């Protein structure tokens, strides 16, 4: 399996849309920079967790 198969693109996009939508509904304006940073951080966390769980299963 290639590295790109393990990238959490859908999850990161979901986090971005969720945060922007919540900001827009609650404050009346969206902050896409804050949403993008949070989405990238969540994506990195998910990718590391998937790598760690995959490595742990092999042992």
PDB file of N, CA and C in Angstrom:
ATOM      1  N   UNK A   1       0.838  -1.170   0.000  1.00  0.00           N
ATOM      2  CA  UNK A   1       0.000   0.000   0.000  1.00  0.00           C
ATOM      3  C   UNK A   1       0.888   1.240   0.000  1.00  0.00           C
ATOM      4  N   UNK A   2       0.605   2.152  -0.855  1.00  0.00           N
ATOM      5  CA  UNK A   2       1.403   3.375  -0.974  1.00  0.00           C
ATOM      6  C   UNK A   2       1.083   4.340   0.163  1.00  0.00           C
ATOM      7  N   UNK A   3       2.019   5.255   0.400  1.00  0.00           N
ATOM      8  CA  UNK A   3       1.835   6.240   1.470  1.00  0.00           C
ATOM      9  C   UNK A   3       0.599   7.100   1.230  1.00  0.00           C
ATOM     10  N   UNK A   4       0.336   7.427  -0.035  1.00  0.00           N
ATOM     11  CA  UNK A   4      -0.807   8.290  -0.340  1.00  0.00           C
ATOM     12  C   UNK A   4      -2.139   7.617  -0.036  1.00  0.00           C
ATOM     13  N   UNK A   5      -2.156   6.294   0.041  1.00  0.00           N
ATOM     14  CA  UNK A   5      -3.390   5.583   0.394  1.00  0.00           C
ATOM     15  C   UNK A   5      -3.764   5.801   1.854  1.00  0.00           C
ATOM     16  N   UNK A   6      -2.796   6.146   2.685  1.00  0.00           N
ATOM     17  CA  UNK A   6      -3.052   6.323   4.112  1.00  0.00           C
ATOM     18  C   UNK A   6      -3.290   7.775   4.508  1.00  0.00           C
ATOM     19  N   UNK A   7      -3.245   8.695   3.546  1.00  0.00           N
ATOM     20  CA  UNK A   7      -3.481  10.098   3.880  1.00  0.00           C
ATOM     21  C   UNK A   7      -4.963  10.333   4.156  1.00  0.00           C
ATOM     22  N   UNK A   8      -5.280  11.017   5.241  1.00  0.00           N
ATOM     23  CA  UNK A   8      -6.677  11.241   5.616  1.00  0.00           C
ATOM     24  C   UNK A   8      -7.265  12.484   4.931  1.00  0.00           C
ATOM     25  N   UNK A   9      -7.381  12.442   3.613  1.00  0.00           N
ATOM     26  CA  UNK A   9      -7.889  13.599   2.863  1.00  0.00           C
ATOM     27  C   UNK A   9      -9.357  13.854   3.198  1.00  0.00           C
ATOM     28  N   UNK A  10     -10.163  12.813   3.183  1.00  0.00           N
ATOM     29  CA  UNK A  10     -11.596  12.979   3.451  1.00  0.00           C
ATOM     30  C   UNK A  10     -11.838  13.491   4.862  1.00  0.00           C
ATOM     31  N   UNK A  11     -11.105  12.950   5.816  1.00  0.00           N
ATOM     32  CA  UNK A  11     -11.282  13.373   7.197  1.00  0.00           C
ATOM     33  C   UNK A  11     -10.865  14.828   7.385  1.00  0.00           C
ATOM     34  N   UNK A  12      -9.752  15.217   6.762  1.00  0.00           N
ATOM     35  CA  UNK A  12      -9.281  16.602   6.869  1.00  0.00           C
ATOM     36  C   UNK A  12     -10.271  17.563   6.219  1.00  0.00           C
ATOM     37  N   UNK A  13     -10.795  17.178   5.081  1.00  0.00           N
ATOM     38  CA  UNK A  13     -11.797  18.012   4.415  1.00  0.00           C
ATOM     39  C   UNK A  13     -13.053  18.133   5.270  1.00  0.00           C
ATOM     40  N   UNK A  14     -13.443  17.052   5.904  1.00  0.00           N
ATOM     41  CA  UNK A  14     -14.604  17.086   6.794  1.00  0.00           C
ATOM     42  C   UNK A  14     -14.394  18.004   7.980  1.00  0.00           C
ATOM     43  N   UNK A  15     -13.204  17.976   8.554  1.00  0.00           N
ATOM     44  CA  UNK A  15     -12.890  18.876   9.673  1.00  0.00           C
ATOM     45  C   UNK A  15     -12.927  20.326   9.208  1.00  0.00           C
ATOM     46  N   UNK A  16     -12.340  20.598   8.037  1.00  0.00           N
ATOM     47  CA  UNK A  16     -12.329  21.964   7.501  1.00  0.00           C
ATOM     48  C   UNK A  16     -13.753  22.473   7.282  1.00  0.00           C
ATOM     49  N   UNK A  17     -14.586  21.682   6.630  1.00  0.00           N
ATOM     50  CA  UNK A  17     -15.960  22.102   6.350  1.00  0.00           C
ATOM     51  C   UNK A  17     -16.755  22.241   7.647  1.00  0.00           C
ATOM     52  N   UNK A  18     -16.535  21.341   8.576  1.00  0.00           N
ATOM     53  CA  UNK A  18     -17.240  21.420   9.856  1.00  0.00           C
ATOM     54  C   UNK A  18     -16.898  22.669  10.644  1.00  0.00           C
ATOM     55  N   UNK A  19     -15.629  22.996  10.716  1.00  0.00           N
ATOM     56  CA  UNK A  19     -15.218  24.187  11.474  1.00  0.00           C
ATOM     57  C   UNK A  19     -15.681  25.463  10.790  1.00  0.00           C
ATOM     58  N   UNK A  20     -15.527  25.522   9.461  1.00  0.00           N
ATOM     59  CA  UNK A  20     -15.977  26.732   8.749  1.00  0.00           C
ATOM     60  C   UNK A  20     -17.484  26.896   8.868  1.00  0.00           C
ATOM     61  N   UNK A  21     -18.207  25.803   8.738  1.00  0.00           N
ATOM     62  CA  UNK A  21     -19.669  25.881   8.864  1.00  0.00           C
ATOM     63  C   UNK A  21     -20.099  26.301  10.248  1.00  0.00           C
ATOM     64  N   UNK A  22     -19.449  25.759  11.268  1.00  0.00           N
ATOM     65  CA  UNK A  22     -19.796  26.144  12.635  1.00  0.00           C
ATOM     66  C   UNK A  22     -19.495  27.612  12.896  1.00  0.00           C
ATOM     67  N   UNK A  23     -18.325  28.082  12.434  1.00  0.00           N
ATOM     68  CA  UNK A  23     -17.993  29.507  12.588  1.00  0.00           C
ATOM     69  C   UNK A  23     -19.001  30.389  11.873  1.00  0.00           C
ATOM     70  N   UNK A  24     -19.363  29.995  10.684  1.00  0.00           N
ATOM     71  CA  UNK A  24     -20.305  30.794   9.902  1.00  0.00           C
ATOM     72  C   UNK A  24     -21.671  30.841  10.571  1.00  0.00           C
ATOM     73  N   UNK A  25     -22.127  29.709  11.093  1.00  0.00           N
ATOM     74  CA  UNK A  25     -23.432  29.687  11.742  1.00  0.00           C
ATOM     75  C   UNK A  25     -23.430  30.395  13.090  1.00  0.00           C
ATOM     76  N   UNK A  26     -22.355  30.270  13.850  1.00  0.00           N
ATOM     77  CA  UNK A  26     -22.347  30.842  15.194  1.00  0.00           C
ATOM     78  C   UNK A  26     -21.933  32.311  15.220  1.00  0.00           C
ATOM     79  N   UNK A  27     -20.986  32.702  14.355  1.00  0.00           N
ATOM     80  CA  UNK A  27     -20.476  34.071  14.390  1.00  0.00           C
ATOM     81  C   UNK A  27     -20.888  34.907  13.193  1.00  0.00           C
ATOM     82  N   UNK A  28     -21.435  34.279  12.175  1.00  0.00           N
ATOM     83  CA  UNK A  28     -21.841  35.016  10.987  1.00  0.00           C
ATOM     84  C   UNK A  28     -20.743  35.204   9.964  1.00  0.00           C
ATOM     85  N   UNK A  29     -19.542  34.729  10.267  1.00  0.00           N
ATOM     86  CA  UNK A  29     -18.436  34.790   9.307  1.00  0.00           C
ATOM     87  C   UNK A  29     -17.522  33.602   9.559  1.00  0.00           C
ATOM     88  N   UNK A  30     -16.908  33.141   8.504  1.00  0.00           N
ATOM     89  CA  UNK A  30     -16.019  31.987   8.613  1.00  0.00           C
ATOM     90  C   UNK A  30     -14.568  32.446   8.658  1.00  0.00           C
ATOM     91  N   UNK A  31     -13.756  31.695   9.353  1.00  0.00           N
ATOM     92  CA  UNK A  31     -12.320  31.957   9.409  1.00  0.00           C
ATOM     93  C   UNK A  31     -11.612  30.773   8.757  1.00  0.00           C
ATOM     94  N   UNK A  32     -11.377  30.847   7.438  1.00  0.00           N
ATOM     95  CA  UNK A  32     -10.810  29.686   6.743  1.00  0.00           C
ATOM     96  C   UNK A  32      -9.378  29.350   7.153  1.00  0.00           C
ATOM     97  N   UNK A  33      -8.601  30.326   7.583  1.00  0.00           N
ATOM     98  CA  UNK A  33      -7.230  30.037   8.006  1.00  0.00           C
ATOM     99  C   UNK A  33      -7.226  29.173   9.268  1.00  0.00           C
ATOM    100  N   UNK A  34      -8.045  29.533  10.228  1.00  0.00           N
ATOM    101  CA  UNK A  34      -8.146  28.750  11.456  1.00  0.00           C
ATOM    102  C   UNK A  34      -8.646  27.344  11.142  1.00  0.00           C
ATOM    103  N   UNK A  35      -9.613  27.231  10.247  1.00  0.00           N
ATOM    104  CA  UNK A  35     -10.149  25.928   9.875  1.00  0.00           C
ATOM    105  C   UNK A  35      -9.104  25.095   9.139  1.00  0.00           C
ATOM    106  N   UNK A  36      -8.329  25.717   8.269  1.00  0.00           N
ATOM    107  CA  UNK A  36      -7.304  24.989   7.514  1.00  0.00           C
ATOM    108  C   UNK A  36      -6.200  24.478   8.435  1.00  0.00           C
ATOM    109  N   UNK A  37      -5.769  25.299   9.379  1.00  0.00           N
ATOM    110  CA  UNK A  37      -4.720  24.881  10.313  1.00  0.00           C
ATOM    111  C   UNK A  37      -5.211  23.720  11.171  1.00  0.00           C
ATOM    112  N   UNK A  38      -6.436  23.807  11.647  1.00  0.00           N
ATOM    113  CA  UNK A  38      -6.999  22.737  12.456  1.00  0.00           C
ATOM    114  C   UNK A  38      -7.173  21.462  11.636  1.00  0.00           C
ATOM    115  N   UNK A  39      -7.602  21.589  10.396  1.00  0.00           N
ATOM    116  CA  UNK A  39      -7.783  20.424   9.530  1.00  0.00           C
ATOM    117  C   UNK A  39      -6.453  19.737   9.239  1.00  0.00           C
ATOM    118  N   UNK A  40      -5.411  20.509   9.005  1.00  0.00           N
ATOM    119  CA  UNK A  40      -4.088  19.924   8.757  1.00  0.00           C
ATOM    120  C   UNK A  40      -3.580  19.227  10.022  1.00  0.00           C
ATOM    121  N   UNK A  41      -3.788  19.838  11.169  1.00  0.00           N
ATOM    122  CA  UNK A  41      -3.360  19.220  12.426  1.00  0.00           C
ATOM    123  C   UNK A  41      -4.130  17.928  12.682  1.00  0.00           C
ATOM    124  N   UNK A  42      -5.431  17.940  12.433  1.00  0.00           N
ATOM    125  CA  UNK A  42      -6.228  16.726  12.614  1.00  0.00           C
ATOM    126  C   UNK A  42      -5.800  15.650  11.626  1.00  0.00           C
ATOM    127  N   UNK A  43      -5.518  16.036  10.391  1.00  0.00           N
ATOM    128  CA  UNK A  43      -5.053  15.082   9.392  1.00  0.00           C
ATOM    129  C   UNK A  43      -3.716  14.468   9.768  1.00  0.00           C
ATOM    130  N   UNK A  44      -2.809  15.282  10.289  1.00  0.00           N
ATOM    131  CA  UNK A  44      -1.505  14.772  10.732  1.00  0.00           C
ATOM    132  C   UNK A  44      -1.673  13.805  11.901  1.00  0.00           C
ATOM    133  N   UNK A  45      -2.556  14.142  12.826  1.00  0.00           N
ATOM    134  CA  UNK A  45      -2.812  13.263  13.959  1.00  0.00           C
ATOM    135  C   UNK A  45      -3.384  11.924  13.501  1.00  0.00           C
ATOM    136  N   UNK A  46      -4.324  11.957  12.571  1.00  0.00           N
ATOM    137  CA  UNK A  46      -4.928  10.730  12.060  1.00  0.00           C
ATOM    138  C   UNK A  46      -3.890   9.892  11.315  1.00  0.00           C
ATOM    139  N   UNK A  47      -3.054  10.532  10.507  1.00  0.00           N
ATOM    140  CA  UNK A  47      -2.022   9.799   9.760  1.00  0.00           C
ATOM    141  C   UNK A  47      -1.034   9.125  10.705  1.00  0.00           C
ATOM    142  N   UNK A  48      -0.614   9.833  11.752  1.00  0.00           N
ATOM    143  CA  UNK A  48       0.312   9.254  12.727  1.00  0.00           C
ATOM    144  C   UNK A  48      -0.357   8.104  13.476  1.00  0.00           C
ATOM    145  N   UNK A  49      -1.609   8.282  13.851  1.00  0.00           N
ATOM    146  CA  UNK A  49      -2.332   7.212  14.554  1.00  0.00           C
ATOM    147  C   UNK A  49      -2.481   5.980  13.670  1.00  0.00           C
ATOM    148  N   UNK A  50      -2.787   6.173  12.387  1.00  0.00           N
ATOM    149  CA  UNK A  50      -2.895   5.026  11.479  1.00  0.00           C
ATOM    150  C   UNK A  50      -1.561   4.317  11.336  1.00  0.00           C
ATOM    151  N   UNK A  51      -0.477   5.064  11.214  1.00  0.00           N
ATOM    152  CA  UNK A  51       0.857   4.468  11.093  1.00  0.00           C
ATOM    153  C   UNK A  51       1.200   3.684  12.354  1.00  0.00           C
ATOM    154  N   UNK A  52       0.927   4.262  13.505  1.00  0.00           N
ATOM    155  CA  UNK A  52       1.243   3.618  14.768  1.00  0.00           C
ATOM    156  C   UNK A  52       0.420   2.347  14.952  1.00  0.00           C
ATOM    157  N   UNK A  53      -0.876   2.406  14.626  1.00  0.00           N
ATOM    158  CA  UNK A  53      -1.721   1.215  14.765  1.00  0.00           C
ATOM    159  C   UNK A  53      -1.305   0.119  13.786  1.00  0.00           C
ATOM    160  N   UNK A  54      -0.923   0.499  12.571  1.00  0.00           N
ATOM    161  CA  UNK A  54      -0.477  -0.481  11.582  1.00  0.00           C
ATOM    162  C   UNK A  54       0.822  -1.141  12.042  1.00  0.00           C
ATOM    163  N   UNK A  55       1.734  -0.349  12.578  1.00  0.00           N
ATOM    164  CA  UNK A  55       3.000  -0.882  13.068  1.00  0.00           C
ATOM    165  C   UNK A  55       2.781  -1.777  14.283  1.00  0.00           C
ATOM    166  N   UNK A  56       1.856  -1.404  15.120  1.00  0.00           N
ATOM    167  CA  UNK A  56       1.567  -2.161  16.340  1.00  0.00           C
ATOM    168  C   UNK A  56       0.941  -3.516  16.013  1.00  0.00           C
ATOM    169  N   UNK A  57       0.108  -3.587  14.982  1.00  0.00           N
ATOM    170  CA  UNK A  57      -0.536  -4.849  14.591  1.00  0.00           C
ATOM    171  C   UNK A  57       0.466  -5.860  14.044  1.00  0.00           C
ATOM    172  N   UNK A  58       1.515  -5.367  13.410  1.00  0.00           N
ATOM    173  CA  UNK A  58       2.523  -6.267  12.831  1.00  0.00           C
ATOM    174  C   UNK A  58       3.375  -6.929  13.893  1.00  0.00           C
ATOM    175  N   UNK A  59       3.523  -6.301  15.051  1.00  0.00           N
ATOM    176  CA  UNK A  59       4.377  -6.856  16.112  1.00  0.00           C
ATOM    177  C   UNK A  59       3.736  -8.018  16.813  1.00  0.00           C
TER     178      UNK A  59
END
